[in-house]
Amino acid sequence: MLQRIQTIYLLLAAGVSGGLIFAFELWTTEAGVKVFAADTSYVFAAFLTSALFSVVSIFRYKNRKSQFMLGRLNIILNFILLGFFVYLSLNVSGETAVSEKGIGMLLPIVSIVFLALANKAIKKDEDLVKSVDRLR
């Protein structure tokens, strides 16, 4: 059943993690060069892994427990990515490499919100199925 609300949330999370990273820069260097996620391989891999987890989670609709666990793993991955960005932005005392922070550093927060909403809807579906099974 792909026509559930969590599918929309997971698609939005995949779009944020996999698509918006090409539109918004992460930071601008001292020389005025805009750095995107695709320019840094480990950040790019983390964003694409997050998008992949979201897409795989969409098609795991028959197994809600694994779908829920993939959502949790994805949230943890986005928190790690967000922690890296916070560390990077707070560690630049003296204008070493990052001159201006971009809005791309906030993309993991948006993804976390959509993933939390999807997990809430998955949990609601699981509770509904359990209550129906009790009636049988």
Protein backbone atom coordinates (compact mmCIF):
# COMPACT_ATOMS: atom_id res chain seq x y z
CA MET A 1 0.00 0.00 0.00
CA LEU A 2 1.99 2.88 -1.31
CA GLN A 3 -0.88 5.35 -0.91
CA ARG A 4 -0.18 6.05 2.76
CA ILE A 5 0.90 9.37 4.25
CA GLN A 6 4.29 8.02 5.32
CA THR A 7 5.11 7.41 1.66
CA ILE A 8 4.77 11.14 1.03
CA TYR A 9 6.93 11.96 4.04
CA LEU A 10 9.59 9.46 2.96
CA LEU A 11 9.55 10.81 -0.61
CA LEU A 12 10.02 14.33 0.73
CA ALA A 13 12.89 13.16 2.93
CA ALA A 14 14.49 11.42 -0.06
CA GLY A 15 14.02 14.56 -2.14
CA VAL A 16 15.67 16.70 0.51
CA SER A 17 18.57 14.29 1.00
CA GLY A 18 19.06 13.37 -2.63
CA GLY A 19 17.93 16.37 -4.62
CA LEU A 20 18.29 19.60 -2.70
CA ILE A 21 21.97 18.96 -2.00
CA PHE A 22 22.65 20.04 -5.58
CA ALA A 23 20.68 23.28 -5.21
CA PHE A 24 21.91 24.64 -1.87
CA GLU A 25 25.56 25.18 -1.00
CA LEU A 26 26.99 23.97 2.28
CA TRP A 27 29.45 26.81 2.73
CA THR A 28 31.43 29.42 0.86
CA THR A 29 35.21 29.53 1.17
CA GLU A 30 37.33 32.62 1.70
CA ALA A 31 37.96 32.81 -2.04
CA GLY A 32 34.20 32.96 -2.70
CA VAL A 33 33.95 29.40 -4.00
CA LYS A 34 30.64 27.74 -3.13
CA VAL A 35 31.06 24.20 -1.80
CA PHE A 36 28.20 21.80 -2.47
CA ALA A 37 27.70 18.35 -0.98
CA ALA A 38 28.89 16.70 -4.20
CA ASP A 39 32.28 18.40 -3.76
CA THR A 40 32.96 16.55 -0.50
CA SER A 41 32.82 12.79 -0.99
CA TYR A 42 31.95 11.67 2.57
CA VAL A 43 29.18 14.28 2.94
CA PHE A 44 27.84 13.35 -0.49
CA ALA A 45 27.89 9.65 0.46
CA ALA A 46 26.03 10.37 3.71
CA PHE A 47 23.33 12.35 1.90
CA LEU A 48 22.91 9.68 -0.78
CA THR A 49 22.78 6.93 1.86
CA SER A 50 20.04 8.86 3.61
CA ALA A 51 18.09 9.17 0.36
CA LEU A 52 18.61 5.47 -0.34
CA PHE A 53 17.34 4.53 3.12
CA SER A 54 14.21 6.61 2.51
CA VAL A 55 13.51 5.03 -0.88
CA VAL A 56 14.12 1.49 0.41
CA SER A 57 11.88 2.23 3.37
CA ILE A 58 9.05 3.21 1.01
CA PHE A 59 9.09 -0.22 -0.61
CA ARG A 60 9.26 -2.07 2.72
CA TYR A 61 5.59 -1.28 3.37
CA LYS A 62 4.69 -4.94 3.95
CA ASN A 63 7.10 -5.17 6.87
CA ARG A 64 6.35 -2.15 9.04
CA LYS A 65 8.90 -3.06 11.71
CA SER A 66 11.79 -3.00 9.25
CA GLN A 67 10.36 0.17 7.72
CA PHE A 68 10.33 1.76 11.17
CA MET A 69 13.90 0.60 11.88
CA LEU A 70 15.14 1.99 8.55
CA GLY A 71 13.53 5.29 9.48
CA ARG A 72 15.33 5.29 12.83
CA LEU A 73 18.66 4.48 11.18
CA ASN A 74 18.06 7.28 8.73
CA ILE A 75 17.34 9.72 11.56
CA ILE A 76 20.56 8.67 13.30
CA LEU A 77 22.51 9.15 10.07
CA ASN A 78 21.05 12.62 9.65
CA PHE A 79 21.90 13.49 13.26
CA ILE A 80 25.50 12.41 12.63
CA LEU A 81 25.58 14.56 9.50
CA LEU A 82 24.10 17.48 11.41
CA GLY A 83 26.62 17.01 14.21
CA PHE A 84 29.42 17.09 11.65
CA PHE A 85 28.10 20.36 10.23
CA VAL A 86 27.79 21.88 13.71
CA TYR A 87 31.33 20.78 14.53
CA LEU A 88 32.58 22.22 11.26
CA SER A 89 30.84 25.55 11.75
CA LEU A 90 31.94 25.93 15.39
CA ASN A 91 35.50 24.78 14.78
CA VAL A 92 36.32 27.52 12.27
CA SER A 93 37.67 30.17 14.56
CA GLY A 94 40.03 32.19 12.45
CA GLU A 95 38.43 31.72 9.05
CA THR A 96 40.46 28.66 8.10
CA ALA A 97 38.43 27.07 5.33
CA VAL A 98 34.80 28.10 5.78
CA SER A 99 33.97 31.74 5.39
CA GLU A 100 30.20 31.74 5.18
CA LYS A 101 27.79 28.99 6.12
CA GLY A 102 25.18 28.01 3.58
CA ILE A 103 21.60 26.86 3.94
CA GLY A 104 22.65 23.36 2.87
CA MET A 105 23.86 22.74 6.42
CA LEU A 106 20.21 22.81 7.55
CA LEU A 107 19.03 20.11 5.14
CA PRO A 108 19.52 17.28 7.67
CA ILE A 109 17.10 19.06 10.04
CA VAL A 110 14.40 19.15 7.36
CA SER A 111 15.03 15.50 6.58
CA ILE A 112 14.83 14.56 10.28
CA VAL A 113 11.45 16.27 10.56
CA PHE A 114 10.02 14.37 7.59
CA LEU A 115 11.47 11.08 8.84
CA ALA A 116 10.01 11.61 12.32
CA LEU A 117 6.59 12.29 10.80
CA ALA A 118 6.89 9.14 8.66
CA ASN A 119 7.87 7.04 11.68
CA LYS A 120 4.93 8.43 13.62
CA ALA A 121 2.57 7.40 10.81
CA ILE A 122 4.19 3.95 10.56
CA LYS A 123 3.76 3.46 14.30
CA LYS A 124 0.12 4.51 14.01
CA ASP A 125 -0.44 1.92 11.26
CA GLU A 126 1.26 -0.78 13.32
CA ASP A 127 -0.93 0.02 16.33
CA LEU A 128 -4.03 -0.10 14.12
CA VAL A 129 -3.10 -3.52 12.76
CA LYS A 130 -2.42 -4.83 16.27
CA SER A 131 -5.81 -3.60 17.49
CA VAL A 132 -7.60 -5.27 14.57
CA ASP A 133 -5.72 -8.52 15.21
CA ARG A 134 -6.97 -8.51 18.81
CA LEU A 135 -10.55 -8.47 17.56
CA ARG A 136 -10.12 -11.64 15.52
